[in-house]
Amino acid sequence: MTRFEIVRIARTWIGTPYHHQGSVKGAGADCLGVLRGVWREAFGAEPAAVPAYTRDWSEPQRAERLWSALSTYMRAKPVADMAAGDVVLFRMRAGGVAKHLGLVTRTGDAAAFVHAYSGHGVVEGTLTSPWARRIVACFAFPDTLFENGDQ
């Protein structure tokens, strides 16, 4: 699976309405649901069942559940090495747990990512400074290759 293919798959989710805990292209998805759907299309079955979660999941317990799950099933990498096809994890407020994610579609001056959020659905947005400063981790899909075949 190449990074280009991951980006292509992620973009097919654009326009899907927002639905908390959803993961059905065209019907409804949240940010995790988009990642789950991309994983299924790219690699087959999801690596683990996702338990039900609330909108404030992990906040009361101060648990980095999403970060932990991404670390288990994906390859952690430095944020500075972020590339198209990677997953970025966001901490939306200081002191809060990291609980929003997106799939990077472009890097550099025109950096962008696909993500889902309430009131907007699945969109491809510019990775502006307000978004970029909230990134706390970056992950690559397992066995994802650059277009030229290099790891």
N, C-alpha and C. Protein backbone atom coordinates (compact mmCIF):
# COMPACT_ATOMS: atom_id res chain seq x y z
N MET A 1 0.86 -1.18 0.00
CA MET A 1 0.00 0.00 0.00
C MET A 1 0.90 1.23 0.00
N THR A 2 0.66 2.15 -0.90
CA THR A 2 1.48 3.36 -0.95
C THR A 2 0.78 4.50 -0.21
N ARG A 3 1.55 5.50 0.12
CA ARG A 3 1.00 6.71 0.75
C ARG A 3 -0.01 7.36 -0.18
N PHE A 4 0.28 7.34 -1.49
CA PHE A 4 -0.64 7.90 -2.47
C PHE A 4 -2.01 7.21 -2.39
N GLU A 5 -2.00 5.90 -2.25
CA GLU A 5 -3.26 5.15 -2.15
C GLU A 5 -4.01 5.49 -0.86
N ILE A 6 -3.29 5.66 0.24
CA ILE A 6 -3.92 6.04 1.51
C ILE A 6 -4.62 7.39 1.34
N VAL A 7 -3.95 8.35 0.73
CA VAL A 7 -4.53 9.68 0.50
C VAL A 7 -5.76 9.56 -0.41
N ARG A 8 -5.66 8.77 -1.47
CA ARG A 8 -6.79 8.60 -2.38
C ARG A 8 -7.99 8.04 -1.64
N ILE A 9 -7.77 7.02 -0.82
CA ILE A 9 -8.86 6.41 -0.06
C ILE A 9 -9.46 7.43 0.91
N ALA A 10 -8.61 8.16 1.63
CA ALA A 10 -9.11 9.15 2.59
C ALA A 10 -10.00 10.17 1.90
N ARG A 11 -9.60 10.61 0.74
CA ARG A 11 -10.38 11.63 0.03
C ARG A 11 -11.75 11.10 -0.42
N THR A 12 -11.90 9.80 -0.57
CA THR A 12 -13.22 9.27 -0.96
C THR A 12 -14.23 9.42 0.16
N TRP A 13 -13.78 9.73 1.37
CA TRP A 13 -14.67 9.93 2.51
C TRP A 13 -15.20 11.36 2.59
N ILE A 14 -14.61 12.29 1.85
CA ILE A 14 -15.03 13.69 1.89
C ILE A 14 -16.51 13.79 1.52
N GLY A 15 -17.24 14.56 2.31
CA GLY A 15 -18.67 14.71 2.11
C GLY A 15 -19.51 13.80 2.97
N THR A 16 -18.89 12.82 3.61
CA THR A 16 -19.64 11.95 4.53
C THR A 16 -20.09 12.79 5.72
N PRO A 17 -21.37 12.71 6.09
CA PRO A 17 -21.84 13.50 7.24
C PRO A 17 -21.15 13.06 8.54
N TYR A 18 -21.11 13.98 9.49
CA TYR A 18 -20.56 13.65 10.80
C TYR A 18 -21.58 12.80 11.57
N HIS A 19 -21.11 11.72 12.13
CA HIS A 19 -21.93 10.88 13.02
C HIS A 19 -21.02 10.29 14.08
N HIS A 20 -21.25 10.68 15.33
CA HIS A 20 -20.44 10.18 16.44
C HIS A 20 -20.44 8.65 16.43
N GLN A 21 -19.27 8.05 16.49
CA GLN A 21 -19.01 6.62 16.47
C GLN A 21 -19.30 5.98 15.12
N GLY A 22 -19.65 6.76 14.11
CA GLY A 22 -19.93 6.19 12.79
C GLY A 22 -18.66 5.87 12.03
N SER A 23 -18.75 4.92 11.11
CA SER A 23 -17.63 4.55 10.27
C SER A 23 -18.13 3.97 8.95
N VAL A 24 -19.12 4.66 8.36
CA VAL A 24 -19.70 4.20 7.10
C VAL A 24 -19.59 5.32 6.07
N LYS A 25 -18.78 5.11 5.06
CA LYS A 25 -18.57 6.11 4.02
C LYS A 25 -19.92 6.50 3.40
N GLY A 26 -20.16 7.80 3.31
CA GLY A 26 -21.37 8.32 2.71
C GLY A 26 -22.54 8.40 3.66
N ALA A 27 -22.52 7.63 4.75
CA ALA A 27 -23.63 7.62 5.71
C ALA A 27 -23.31 8.38 6.98
N GLY A 28 -22.11 8.22 7.52
CA GLY A 28 -21.75 8.94 8.74
C GLY A 28 -20.47 8.44 9.36
N ALA A 29 -19.65 9.38 9.82
CA ALA A 29 -18.38 9.02 10.46
C ALA A 29 -17.90 10.15 11.34
N ASP A 30 -17.15 9.78 12.37
CA ASP A 30 -16.39 10.76 13.13
C ASP A 30 -14.93 10.59 12.72
N CYS A 31 -14.03 11.31 13.37
CA CYS A 31 -12.62 11.26 12.93
C CYS A 31 -12.04 9.86 13.03
N LEU A 32 -12.34 9.15 14.11
CA LEU A 32 -11.86 7.78 14.25
C LEU A 32 -12.52 6.88 13.22
N GLY A 33 -13.78 7.13 12.93
CA GLY A 33 -14.49 6.32 11.94
C GLY A 33 -13.87 6.42 10.56
N VAL A 34 -13.40 7.60 10.19
CA VAL A 34 -12.73 7.77 8.90
C VAL A 34 -11.46 6.92 8.88
N LEU A 35 -10.65 7.02 9.93
CA LEU A 35 -9.44 6.22 10.00
C LEU A 35 -9.76 4.73 9.92
N ARG A 36 -10.79 4.30 10.63
CA ARG A 36 -11.18 2.89 10.61
C ARG A 36 -11.58 2.47 9.19
N GLY A 37 -12.33 3.33 8.51
CA GLY A 37 -12.76 3.00 7.16
C GLY A 37 -11.60 2.94 6.18
N VAL A 38 -10.67 3.87 6.31
CA VAL A 38 -9.48 3.86 5.45
C VAL A 38 -8.69 2.58 5.72
N TRP A 39 -8.52 2.21 6.98
CA TRP A 39 -7.80 0.98 7.34
C TRP A 39 -8.46 -0.22 6.67
N ARG A 40 -9.80 -0.32 6.79
CA ARG A 40 -10.50 -1.48 6.20
C ARG A 40 -10.28 -1.57 4.69
N GLU A 41 -10.37 -0.43 4.02
CA GLU A 41 -10.20 -0.45 2.57
C GLU A 41 -8.76 -0.75 2.18
N ALA A 42 -7.82 -0.26 2.94
CA ALA A 42 -6.41 -0.43 2.60
C ALA A 42 -5.84 -1.78 3.04
N PHE A 43 -6.26 -2.26 4.22
CA PHE A 43 -5.61 -3.43 4.82
C PHE A 43 -6.54 -4.57 5.18
N GLY A 44 -7.84 -4.40 5.03
CA GLY A 44 -8.77 -5.46 5.40
C GLY A 44 -9.34 -5.21 6.77
N ALA A 45 -9.59 -6.26 7.51
CA ALA A 45 -10.24 -6.16 8.81
C ALA A 45 -9.47 -5.24 9.77
N GLU A 46 -10.23 -4.54 10.59
CA GLU A 46 -9.61 -3.69 11.61
C GLU A 46 -8.84 -4.57 12.59
N PRO A 47 -7.75 -4.05 13.16
CA PRO A 47 -6.92 -4.88 14.03
C PRO A 47 -7.56 -5.19 15.39
N ALA A 48 -8.57 -4.41 15.78
CA ALA A 48 -9.23 -4.65 17.07
C ALA A 48 -10.62 -4.01 17.04
N ALA A 49 -11.50 -4.54 17.85
CA ALA A 49 -12.84 -3.95 17.98
C ALA A 49 -12.71 -2.63 18.74
N VAL A 50 -13.48 -1.64 18.32
CA VAL A 50 -13.47 -0.34 18.99
C VAL A 50 -14.65 -0.30 19.95
N PRO A 51 -14.38 -0.14 21.24
CA PRO A 51 -15.49 -0.08 22.20
C PRO A 51 -16.28 1.22 22.04
N ALA A 52 -17.51 1.22 22.49
CA ALA A 52 -18.32 2.45 22.47
C ALA A 52 -17.58 3.53 23.25
N TYR A 53 -17.74 4.78 22.81
CA TYR A 53 -17.08 5.89 23.48
C TYR A 53 -17.99 7.11 23.45
N THR A 54 -17.84 7.95 24.46
CA THR A 54 -18.63 9.16 24.56
C THR A 54 -17.86 10.31 23.94
N ARG A 55 -18.52 11.45 23.76
CA ARG A 55 -17.84 12.61 23.18
C ARG A 55 -16.70 13.11 24.07
N ASP A 56 -16.81 12.88 25.37
CA ASP A 56 -15.74 13.32 26.28
C ASP A 56 -14.84 12.15 26.68
N TRP A 57 -14.81 11.11 25.84
CA TRP A 57 -14.07 9.91 26.18
C TRP A 57 -12.65 10.22 26.62
N SER A 58 -12.25 9.51 27.61
CA SER A 58 -10.92 9.60 28.22
C SER A 58 -10.68 10.84 29.06
N GLU A 59 -11.51 11.86 28.92
CA GLU A 59 -11.30 13.10 29.69
C GLU A 59 -11.39 12.85 31.20
N PRO A 60 -12.49 12.25 31.69
CA PRO A 60 -12.60 12.09 33.15
C PRO A 60 -11.44 11.28 33.75
N GLN A 61 -10.98 10.28 33.00
CA GLN A 61 -9.91 9.41 33.51
C GLN A 61 -8.52 9.96 33.18
N ARG A 62 -8.48 11.02 32.34
CA ARG A 62 -7.21 11.60 31.88
C ARG A 62 -6.36 10.53 31.20
N ALA A 63 -7.00 9.62 30.47
CA ALA A 63 -6.31 8.52 29.81
C ALA A 63 -6.11 8.83 28.33
N GLU A 64 -4.92 8.59 27.84
CA GLU A 64 -4.60 8.82 26.43
C GLU A 64 -4.93 7.55 25.63
N ARG A 65 -6.20 7.19 25.61
CA ARG A 65 -6.62 5.94 24.96
C ARG A 65 -6.38 5.95 23.46
N LEU A 66 -6.70 7.04 22.80
CA LEU A 66 -6.52 7.09 21.35
C LEU A 66 -5.03 7.02 21.00
N TRP A 67 -4.21 7.76 21.72
CA TRP A 67 -2.76 7.74 21.50
C TRP A 67 -2.22 6.33 21.71
N SER A 68 -2.66 5.68 22.76
CA SER A 68 -2.22 4.32 23.06
C SER A 68 -2.61 3.36 21.94
N ALA A 69 -3.84 3.46 21.46
CA ALA A 69 -4.29 2.57 20.39
C ALA A 69 -3.51 2.81 19.11
N LEU A 70 -3.30 4.07 18.75
CA LEU A 70 -2.53 4.37 17.55
C LEU A 70 -1.11 3.82 17.69
N SER A 71 -0.52 3.94 18.87
CA SER A 71 0.83 3.44 19.11
C SER A 71 0.90 1.93 18.99
N THR A 72 -0.18 1.26 19.31
CA THR A 72 -0.22 -0.20 19.24
C THR A 72 -0.29 -0.71 17.80
N TYR A 73 -1.09 -0.05 16.97
CA TYR A 73 -1.36 -0.58 15.63
C TYR A 73 -0.68 0.15 14.48
N MET A 74 -0.03 1.26 14.78
CA MET A 74 0.63 2.03 13.73
C MET A 74 2.07 2.31 14.13
N ARG A 75 2.87 2.84 13.20
CA ARG A 75 4.26 3.16 13.46
C ARG A 75 4.39 4.61 13.88
N ALA A 76 4.80 4.87 15.12
CA ALA A 76 5.02 6.24 15.59
C ALA A 76 6.22 6.82 14.85
N LYS A 77 6.16 8.11 14.56
CA LYS A 77 7.27 8.79 13.90
C LYS A 77 7.29 10.23 14.36
N PRO A 78 8.42 10.92 14.21
CA PRO A 78 8.47 12.32 14.63
C PRO A 78 7.49 13.18 13.82
N VAL A 79 6.84 14.11 14.49
CA VAL A 79 5.91 15.01 13.81
C VAL A 79 6.64 15.76 12.69
N ALA A 80 7.89 16.09 12.91
CA ALA A 80 8.67 16.81 11.89
C ALA A 80 8.83 16.01 10.60
N ASP A 81 8.67 14.69 10.68
CA ASP A 81 8.80 13.82 9.51
C ASP A 81 7.45 13.47 8.89
N MET A 82 6.41 14.17 9.28
CA MET A 82 5.06 13.93 8.77
C MET A 82 5.06 13.93 7.24
N ALA A 83 4.33 12.97 6.65
CA ALA A 83 4.25 12.86 5.20
C ALA A 83 2.81 12.55 4.80
N ALA A 84 2.49 12.78 3.55
CA ALA A 84 1.17 12.44 3.05
C ALA A 84 0.91 10.96 3.33
N GLY A 85 -0.30 10.66 3.78
CA GLY A 85 -0.67 9.30 4.12
C GLY A 85 -0.50 8.97 5.59
N ASP A 86 0.11 9.86 6.36
CA ASP A 86 0.27 9.65 7.80
C ASP A 86 -0.98 10.09 8.55
N VAL A 87 -1.07 9.65 9.79
CA VAL A 87 -2.14 10.06 10.69
C VAL A 87 -1.55 11.00 11.72
N VAL A 88 -2.22 12.13 11.93
CA VAL A 88 -1.78 13.07 12.96
C VAL A 88 -2.82 13.10 14.07
N LEU A 89 -2.34 13.20 15.30
CA LEU A 89 -3.17 13.21 16.49
C LEU A 89 -3.11 14.60 17.10
N PHE A 90 -4.28 15.13 17.47
CA PHE A 90 -4.39 16.48 17.99
C PHE A 90 -4.86 16.50 19.44
N ARG A 91 -4.29 17.43 20.20
CA ARG A 91 -4.79 17.77 21.54
C ARG A 91 -5.52 19.09 21.35
N MET A 92 -6.84 19.07 21.49
CA MET A 92 -7.65 20.23 21.13
C MET A 92 -7.61 21.34 22.16
N ARG A 93 -7.24 21.03 23.39
CA ARG A 93 -7.10 22.09 24.39
C ARG A 93 -5.97 21.72 25.35
N ALA A 94 -5.29 22.74 25.82
CA ALA A 94 -4.19 22.53 26.76
C ALA A 94 -4.70 21.77 27.97
N GLY A 95 -3.97 20.77 28.36
CA GLY A 95 -4.33 19.97 29.52
C GLY A 95 -5.33 18.87 29.23
N GLY A 96 -5.92 18.88 28.04
CA GLY A 96 -6.87 17.83 27.66
C GLY A 96 -6.15 16.64 27.07
N VAL A 97 -6.89 15.54 26.90
CA VAL A 97 -6.31 14.38 26.25
C VAL A 97 -6.36 14.58 24.73
N ALA A 98 -5.50 13.88 24.03
CA ALA A 98 -5.49 13.94 22.57
C ALA A 98 -6.63 13.05 22.07
N LYS A 99 -7.60 13.68 21.38
CA LYS A 99 -8.74 12.87 20.96
C LYS A 99 -9.33 13.28 19.61
N HIS A 100 -8.53 13.90 18.78
CA HIS A 100 -8.95 14.18 17.41
C HIS A 100 -7.81 13.75 16.50
N LEU A 101 -8.15 13.23 15.32
CA LEU A 101 -7.11 12.81 14.39
C LEU A 101 -7.51 13.13 12.96
N GLY A 102 -6.53 13.12 12.10
CA GLY A 102 -6.75 13.35 10.68
C GLY A 102 -5.70 12.63 9.87
N LEU A 103 -5.96 12.49 8.58
CA LEU A 103 -5.04 11.84 7.66
C LEU A 103 -4.41 12.90 6.77
N VAL A 104 -3.10 12.98 6.80
CA VAL A 104 -2.37 14.01 6.05
C VAL A 104 -2.48 13.72 4.55
N THR A 105 -2.85 14.76 3.79
CA THR A 105 -2.96 14.61 2.34
C THR A 105 -1.86 15.36 1.59
N ARG A 106 -1.34 16.43 2.20
CA ARG A 106 -0.24 17.21 1.61
C ARG A 106 0.60 17.78 2.74
N THR A 107 1.87 17.99 2.46
CA THR A 107 2.76 18.65 3.44
C THR A 107 3.34 19.90 2.79
N GLY A 108 4.13 20.62 3.55
CA GLY A 108 4.75 21.84 3.03
C GLY A 108 3.85 23.04 3.21
N ASP A 109 4.05 24.04 2.37
CA ASP A 109 3.30 25.30 2.50
C ASP A 109 1.80 25.11 2.33
N ALA A 110 1.38 24.12 1.57
CA ALA A 110 -0.05 23.87 1.33
C ALA A 110 -0.52 22.62 2.08
N ALA A 111 0.04 22.38 3.27
CA ALA A 111 -0.29 21.17 4.02
C ALA A 111 -1.80 21.08 4.25
N ALA A 112 -2.31 19.84 4.16
CA ALA A 112 -3.75 19.62 4.32
C ALA A 112 -3.98 18.25 4.93
N PHE A 113 -5.20 18.05 5.43
CA PHE A 113 -5.55 16.77 6.04
C PHE A 113 -7.04 16.53 5.90
N VAL A 114 -7.42 15.26 5.88
CA VAL A 114 -8.82 14.84 5.86
C VAL A 114 -9.19 14.48 7.29
N HIS A 115 -10.31 15.01 7.75
CA HIS A 115 -10.79 14.69 9.09
C HIS A 115 -12.29 14.94 9.15
N ALA A 116 -12.92 14.46 10.20
CA ALA A 116 -14.35 14.66 10.41
C ALA A 116 -14.55 15.39 11.72
N TYR A 117 -15.46 16.36 11.69
CA TYR A 117 -15.82 16.97 12.95
C TYR A 117 -17.24 17.50 12.90
N SER A 118 -17.82 17.56 14.08
CA SER A 118 -19.23 17.91 14.25
C SER A 118 -19.56 19.22 13.55
N GLY A 119 -20.66 19.22 12.83
CA GLY A 119 -21.12 20.40 12.13
C GLY A 119 -20.53 20.56 10.75
N HIS A 120 -19.54 19.75 10.41
CA HIS A 120 -18.87 19.87 9.11
C HIS A 120 -18.80 18.56 8.34
N GLY A 121 -18.85 17.44 9.01
CA GLY A 121 -18.69 16.16 8.33
C GLY A 121 -17.24 15.92 7.99
N VAL A 122 -17.01 15.10 6.97
CA VAL A 122 -15.64 14.78 6.55
C VAL A 122 -15.22 15.80 5.50
N VAL A 123 -14.12 16.47 5.80
CA VAL A 123 -13.61 17.53 4.92
C VAL A 123 -12.10 17.37 4.75
N GLU A 124 -11.59 18.01 3.71
CA GLU A 124 -10.15 18.16 3.57
C GLU A 124 -9.85 19.61 3.89
N GLY A 125 -9.14 19.83 4.98
CA GLY A 125 -8.86 21.17 5.43
C GLY A 125 -7.38 21.49 5.37
N THR A 126 -7.10 22.77 5.33
CA THR A 126 -5.72 23.23 5.36
C THR A 126 -5.16 23.06 6.77
N LEU A 127 -3.95 22.60 6.85
CA LEU A 127 -3.30 22.40 8.14
C LEU A 127 -2.69 23.74 8.57
N THR A 128 -3.59 24.67 8.92
CA THR A 128 -3.18 26.00 9.32
C THR A 128 -2.49 25.97 10.67
N SER A 129 -1.92 27.08 11.06
CA SER A 129 -1.21 27.17 12.33
C SER A 129 -2.07 26.75 13.52
N PRO A 130 -3.36 27.18 13.61
CA PRO A 130 -4.17 26.73 14.75
C PRO A 130 -4.31 25.21 14.82
N TRP A 131 -4.34 24.55 13.68
CA TRP A 131 -4.38 23.08 13.69
C TRP A 131 -2.99 22.53 13.96
N ALA A 132 -1.99 23.00 13.26
CA ALA A 132 -0.64 22.44 13.36
C ALA A 132 -0.09 22.50 14.78
N ARG A 133 -0.37 23.58 15.50
CA ARG A 133 0.18 23.69 16.86
C ARG A 133 -0.49 22.71 17.83
N ARG A 134 -1.58 22.10 17.43
CA ARG A 134 -2.26 21.12 18.29
C ARG A 134 -1.81 19.68 18.04
N ILE A 135 -0.99 19.48 17.01
CA ILE A 135 -0.51 18.11 16.72
C ILE A 135 0.44 17.67 17.83
N VAL A 136 0.16 16.49 18.37
CA VAL A 136 1.02 15.96 19.44
C VAL A 136 1.73 14.67 19.04
N ALA A 137 1.28 14.03 17.96
CA ALA A 137 1.91 12.78 17.54
C ALA A 137 1.60 12.53 16.07
N CYS A 138 2.44 11.71 15.47
CA CYS A 138 2.29 11.35 14.06
C CYS A 138 2.53 9.84 13.93
N PHE A 139 1.75 9.21 13.06
CA PHE A 139 1.84 7.76 12.88
C PHE A 139 1.75 7.41 11.41
N ALA A 140 2.47 6.38 11.01
CA ALA A 140 2.38 5.83 9.67
C ALA A 140 1.64 4.51 9.73
N PHE A 141 0.87 4.23 8.70
CA PHE A 141 0.23 2.92 8.61
C PHE A 141 1.32 1.86 8.51
N PRO A 142 1.06 0.66 9.01
CA PRO A 142 2.07 -0.40 8.87
C PRO A 142 2.23 -0.75 7.39
N ASP A 143 3.44 -1.05 6.99
CA ASP A 143 3.73 -1.48 5.64
C ASP A 143 3.35 -0.48 4.57
N THR A 144 3.32 0.80 4.91
CA THR A 144 3.04 1.84 3.94
C THR A 144 4.35 2.24 3.25
N LEU A 145 4.31 2.32 1.96
CA LEU A 145 5.50 2.62 1.18
C LEU A 145 5.39 3.99 0.54
N PHE A 146 6.55 4.62 0.32
CA PHE A 146 6.58 5.81 -0.50
C PHE A 146 6.29 5.36 -1.94
N GLU A 147 5.92 6.29 -2.78
CA GLU A 147 5.58 5.92 -4.16
C GLU A 147 6.72 5.23 -4.89
N ASN A 148 7.95 5.55 -4.54
CA ASN A 148 9.08 4.92 -5.23
C ASN A 148 9.46 3.56 -4.62
N GLY A 149 8.70 3.12 -3.62
CA GLY A 149 8.95 1.81 -3.03
C GLY A 149 9.84 1.82 -1.81
N ASP A 150 10.41 2.97 -1.46
CA ASP A 150 11.27 3.06 -0.27
C ASP A 150 10.42 3.13 0.98
N GLN A 151 10.93 2.62 2.08
CA GLN A 151 10.24 2.73 3.37
C GLN A 151 10.43 4.10 3.93
